[in-house]
Amino acid sequence: MQLHSKATRITGRLVTSITALQNLTNIPVVETIISLDACGIDTFSDCALVYIGRNLDSRKSPNDILIKQEEVAKVIFNTAHSPARPLDEGFSVRNLGVEERTQPRILEMYYKLYASFGWSTDEIQKMLSNRNSLIFAAFNQEDHVVSSALAESGTMSFIRHNTRSPLSLVEITEAATLPEYRGNGLYQAVSDEILKYLARLTTPPNLVFGELNLDAPGVLKVAARQGRIPLSQLPNSLAFPCLVS
């Protein structure tokens, strides 16, 4: 494996049995653990998907900020939330096919939408042209993209007991809403449509998950309302010593 000279992060994924994990102690590179007991594949019923990674100090947030963010997240996920409100008139949500989202008009809208991310035009074009990704967008009355999220899909194969088994994954990520349109329930509507689409597939994915920005309480509230399980709670419930500092 060749590392980029300017890389600030290295990450990897592995599938292993929960028994093996419970025998580990203080492994600092483990970032999170996702149980696969309900993924629909018997071979993985006693396993977990493990994310490992290490960041340079320049990519790490101060501990005091992380503690405050985690406290806010805990309150949100332990609070009962009212059902999502209907999408306001004047807004619509639709699935953008690759041909539509790579049109110059749509590209210009996405350049504006993701301007705060600091992405280059090449990075945005690459994201939109990826045929393995679903992209759902909210449009205003002028038919302009004002909010968006994508679902990256992929399949990894693992060999266990001399049998190769595919594990299909979908990650909901890259949520963005124009500042002047925040507070209208647009991310809720966009991500709800993604989940509905995935649920209607003839062969749905084995696992759907997403990374959430702890600095975005609105996004956290949507996740809580949708019934997502914070992965920070999962390792504690399974008592994995490798995540105990």
Protein backbone atom coordinates (compact mmCIF):
# COMPACT_ATOMS: atom_id res chain seq x y z
CA MET A 1 0.00 0.00 0.00
CA GLN A 2 1.34 3.43 -0.96
CA LEU A 3 0.47 6.44 1.20
CA HIS A 4 0.10 9.95 -0.16
CA SER A 5 2.84 12.22 1.18
CA LYS A 6 0.23 14.79 2.28
CA ALA A 7 -2.16 12.29 3.85
CA THR A 8 -3.47 13.32 7.28
CA ARG A 9 -5.60 10.26 7.93
CA ILE A 10 -5.44 6.50 7.41
CA THR A 11 -8.47 4.27 7.82
CA GLY A 12 -9.59 0.72 7.22
CA ARG A 13 -12.43 -1.71 7.83
CA LEU A 14 -12.55 -5.31 8.93
CA VAL A 15 -15.14 -7.90 9.90
CA THR A 16 -14.40 -10.05 12.94
CA SER A 17 -16.28 -12.09 15.50
CA ILE A 18 -17.59 -10.36 18.61
CA THR A 19 -15.80 -12.97 20.72
CA ALA A 20 -12.48 -11.98 19.20
CA LEU A 21 -13.22 -8.30 19.86
CA GLN A 22 -14.02 -8.94 23.49
CA ASN A 23 -10.57 -10.44 23.96
CA LEU A 24 -8.88 -7.25 22.79
CA THR A 25 -7.80 -4.54 25.20
CA ASN A 26 -7.13 -0.85 24.66
CA ILE A 27 -6.74 -0.75 20.90
CA PRO A 28 -6.52 3.02 20.24
CA VAL A 29 -7.03 2.78 16.48
CA VAL A 30 -10.59 1.40 16.78
CA GLU A 31 -13.00 4.19 15.88
CA THR A 32 -16.33 2.42 16.00
CA ILE A 33 -17.97 -0.98 15.90
CA ILE A 34 -21.19 -1.93 14.10
CA SER A 35 -22.86 -5.18 15.08
CA LEU A 36 -23.89 -7.35 12.13
CA ASP A 37 -26.32 -9.58 14.06
CA ALA A 38 -29.29 -8.23 12.08
CA CYS A 39 -27.64 -7.81 8.66
CA GLY A 40 -29.48 -10.79 7.18
CA ILE A 41 -26.41 -12.95 6.56
CA ASP A 42 -26.15 -15.93 8.90
CA THR A 43 -22.38 -16.13 8.45
CA PHE A 44 -22.03 -12.70 10.08
CA SER A 45 -24.63 -13.10 12.84
CA ASP A 46 -21.94 -13.18 15.56
CA CYS A 47 -19.68 -10.60 13.91
CA ALA A 48 -19.14 -6.87 13.78
CA LEU A 49 -17.87 -4.39 11.23
CA VAL A 50 -14.94 -2.53 12.77
CA TYR A 51 -13.65 0.84 11.61
CA ILE A 52 -10.02 1.56 12.43
CA GLY A 53 -8.23 4.79 11.78
CA ARG A 54 -5.67 7.30 12.91
CA ASN A 55 -5.53 11.06 12.34
CA LEU A 56 -2.68 13.51 12.56
CA ASP A 57 -3.03 15.95 15.44
CA SER A 58 -3.97 18.66 12.91
CA ARG A 59 -7.23 16.77 12.21
CA LYS A 60 -8.20 16.23 15.82
CA SER A 61 -10.66 18.42 17.71
CA PRO A 62 -9.80 19.55 21.25
CA ASN A 63 -11.15 17.22 23.94
CA ASP A 64 -13.22 19.95 25.63
CA ILE A 65 -15.09 20.59 22.39
CA LEU A 66 -15.64 16.87 21.81
CA ILE A 67 -17.02 16.43 25.32
CA LYS A 68 -19.53 19.27 24.83
CA GLN A 69 -20.59 17.92 21.43
CA GLU A 70 -21.10 14.42 22.81
CA GLU A 71 -23.18 15.79 25.69
CA VAL A 72 -25.47 17.59 23.25
CA ALA A 73 -25.77 14.43 21.11
CA LYS A 74 -26.69 12.31 24.15
CA VAL A 75 -29.47 14.72 25.11
CA ILE A 76 -30.84 14.70 21.56
CA PHE A 77 -30.89 10.90 21.26
CA ASN A 78 -32.41 10.47 24.72
CA THR A 79 -35.22 12.95 24.05
CA ALA A 80 -38.61 12.06 22.57
CA HIS A 81 -39.11 13.96 19.32
CA SER A 82 -42.35 14.85 17.60
CA PRO A 83 -42.98 13.31 14.15
CA ALA A 84 -41.50 15.05 11.14
CA ARG A 85 -43.69 17.81 9.80
CA PRO A 86 -44.88 17.72 6.18
CA LEU A 87 -42.63 19.44 3.68
CA ASP A 88 -43.68 23.05 3.18
CA GLU A 89 -45.37 24.01 -0.09
CA GLY A 90 -42.94 25.24 -2.67
CA PHE A 91 -40.38 22.55 -1.95
CA SER A 92 -40.03 19.17 -3.64
CA VAL A 93 -37.60 16.27 -3.29
CA ARG A 94 -36.47 13.98 -6.07
CA ASN A 95 -33.84 11.41 -6.93
CA LEU A 96 -31.25 12.82 -9.32
CA GLY A 97 -29.93 10.42 -11.93
CA VAL A 98 -26.32 10.75 -13.06
CA GLU A 99 -27.33 12.34 -16.37
CA GLU A 100 -29.33 15.08 -14.64
CA ARG A 101 -26.91 15.88 -11.84
CA THR A 102 -23.97 16.29 -14.22
CA GLN A 103 -25.75 18.90 -16.32
CA PRO A 104 -23.99 22.30 -16.20
CA ARG A 105 -27.01 23.95 -14.58
CA ILE A 106 -27.15 21.42 -11.73
CA LEU A 107 -23.37 21.44 -11.32
CA GLU A 108 -23.43 25.20 -10.74
CA MET A 109 -26.05 24.72 -8.02
CA TYR A 110 -23.95 22.07 -6.29
CA TYR A 111 -20.83 24.27 -6.43
CA LYS A 112 -22.80 26.84 -4.42
CA LEU A 113 -24.37 24.25 -2.11
CA TYR A 114 -21.02 22.73 -1.11
CA ALA A 115 -19.02 25.96 -1.10
CA SER A 116 -18.76 25.88 2.70
CA PHE A 117 -17.17 22.40 2.52
CA GLY A 118 -14.10 23.83 0.82
CA TRP A 119 -14.33 21.30 -2.00
CA SER A 120 -12.84 21.88 -5.42
CA THR A 121 -14.99 21.75 -8.55
CA ASP A 122 -13.26 18.50 -9.51
CA GLU A 123 -14.23 16.91 -6.18
CA ILE A 124 -17.86 17.94 -6.60
CA GLN A 125 -17.96 16.69 -10.17
CA LYS A 126 -16.47 13.36 -9.08
CA MET A 127 -19.11 13.00 -6.36
CA LEU A 128 -21.97 13.74 -8.74
CA SER A 129 -20.72 11.46 -11.51
CA ASN A 130 -20.33 8.42 -9.25
CA ARG A 131 -22.87 5.86 -10.49
CA ASN A 132 -22.62 3.92 -7.22
CA SER A 133 -24.16 6.82 -5.32
CA LEU A 134 -27.76 7.89 -4.92
CA ILE A 135 -28.30 11.62 -4.67
CA PHE A 136 -31.58 13.10 -3.49
CA ALA A 137 -32.10 16.85 -3.60
CA ALA A 138 -34.69 19.35 -2.38
CA PHE A 139 -35.73 22.03 -4.86
CA ASN A 140 -37.39 25.38 -4.19
CA GLN A 141 -40.12 27.04 -6.25
CA GLU A 142 -37.52 28.29 -8.74
CA ASP A 143 -36.35 24.69 -9.26
CA HIS A 144 -33.01 25.40 -7.61
CA VAL A 145 -31.23 22.82 -5.45
CA VAL A 146 -31.30 24.07 -1.86
CA SER A 147 -30.54 20.87 0.08
CA SER A 148 -29.02 17.51 -0.73
CA ALA A 149 -27.65 14.27 0.65
CA LEU A 150 -26.17 11.20 -0.94
CA ALA A 151 -26.07 7.49 -0.25
CA GLU A 152 -22.81 5.80 -1.20
CA SER A 153 -23.23 2.10 -1.90
CA GLY A 154 -20.70 -0.66 -2.14
CA THR A 155 -20.19 -4.38 -1.56
CA MET A 156 -17.31 -5.99 0.30
CA SER A 157 -16.62 -9.73 0.25
CA PHE A 158 -15.30 -11.59 3.26
CA ILE A 159 -14.20 -15.21 3.60
CA ARG A 160 -15.27 -17.12 6.68
CA HIS A 161 -15.40 -20.88 7.21
CA ASN A 162 -13.97 -21.21 3.67
CA THR A 163 -17.03 -19.43 2.25
CA ARG A 164 -16.97 -16.04 0.58
CA SER A 165 -19.95 -13.86 1.52
CA PRO A 166 -20.76 -10.40 0.13
CA LEU A 167 -21.81 -7.63 2.50
CA SER A 168 -23.65 -4.72 0.87
CA LEU A 169 -23.31 -1.36 2.61
CA VAL A 170 -24.91 2.05 2.14
CA GLU A 171 -23.62 5.17 3.86
CA ILE A 172 -25.82 8.27 4.02
CA THR A 173 -23.49 11.25 3.99
CA GLU A 174 -22.57 14.72 2.69
CA ALA A 175 -25.74 16.46 3.90
CA ALA A 176 -25.80 20.12 2.88
CA THR A 177 -28.44 22.86 2.98
CA LEU A 178 -28.06 26.46 1.88
CA PRO A 179 -27.90 28.67 5.01
CA GLU A 180 -30.98 30.69 4.08
CA TYR A 181 -33.09 27.52 3.79
CA ARG A 182 -32.11 25.82 7.03
CA GLY A 183 -34.85 25.18 9.56
CA ASN A 184 -37.40 24.11 6.92
CA GLY A 185 -37.07 20.36 7.50
CA LEU A 186 -35.32 19.83 4.17
CA TYR A 187 -32.66 17.40 5.37
CA GLN A 188 -35.39 15.41 7.10
CA ALA A 189 -37.31 15.18 3.83
CA VAL A 190 -34.24 14.34 1.74
CA SER A 191 -32.91 11.63 4.05
CA ASP A 192 -36.42 10.17 4.55
CA GLU A 193 -36.71 9.75 0.80
CA ILE A 194 -33.34 7.99 0.67
CA LEU A 195 -34.43 5.51 3.35
CA LYS A 196 -37.77 4.89 1.61
CA TYR A 197 -35.99 4.26 -1.69
CA LEU A 198 -33.60 1.76 -0.09
CA ALA A 199 -36.46 -0.02 1.69
CA ARG A 200 -38.30 -0.53 -1.62
CA LEU A 201 -35.36 -2.19 -3.38
CA THR A 202 -35.89 -5.81 -4.40
CA THR A 203 -32.62 -6.62 -2.64
CA PRO A 204 -32.09 -4.04 0.08
CA PRO A 205 -28.61 -3.45 1.52
CA ASN A 206 -27.43 -5.46 4.51
CA LEU A 207 -26.44 -2.35 6.42
CA VAL A 208 -27.36 1.34 6.21
CA PHE A 209 -25.44 3.85 8.30
CA GLY A 210 -24.22 7.41 8.23
CA GLU A 211 -21.66 9.74 9.74
CA LEU A 212 -23.20 12.70 11.53
CA ASN A 213 -21.61 16.06 12.25
CA LEU A 214 -21.78 16.69 16.01
CA ASP A 215 -21.72 20.41 15.20
CA ALA A 216 -25.10 20.06 13.42
CA PRO A 217 -27.80 19.45 16.07
CA GLY A 218 -30.51 19.66 13.41
CA VAL A 219 -29.02 16.68 11.60
CA LEU A 220 -28.73 14.79 14.89
CA LYS A 221 -32.42 15.43 15.62
CA VAL A 222 -33.36 14.02 12.21
CA ALA A 223 -31.32 10.89 12.90
CA ALA A 224 -32.96 10.47 16.30
CA ARG A 225 -36.43 10.95 14.80
CA GLN A 226 -35.67 8.30 12.17
CA GLY A 227 -34.74 5.80 14.86
CA ARG A 228 -31.06 5.56 14.01
CA ILE A 229 -28.86 4.04 16.74
CA PRO A 230 -25.82 6.10 17.76
CA LEU A 231 -22.78 3.87 17.40
CA SER A 232 -21.28 5.47 20.49
CA GLN A 233 -23.94 3.62 22.48
CA LEU A 234 -23.50 0.28 20.73
CA PRO A 235 -20.00 -0.66 21.92
CA ASN A 236 -20.96 0.21 25.51
CA SER A 237 -24.01 -2.05 25.37
CA LEU A 238 -21.84 -4.92 24.11
CA ALA A 239 -19.09 -4.10 26.64
CA PHE A 240 -16.17 -4.05 24.22
CA PRO A 241 -13.05 -3.42 26.35
CA CYS A 242 -11.08 -2.29 23.32
CA LEU A 243 -13.04 0.99 23.35
CA VAL A 244 -12.58 1.66 27.04
CA SER A 245 -9.88 4.24 27.76
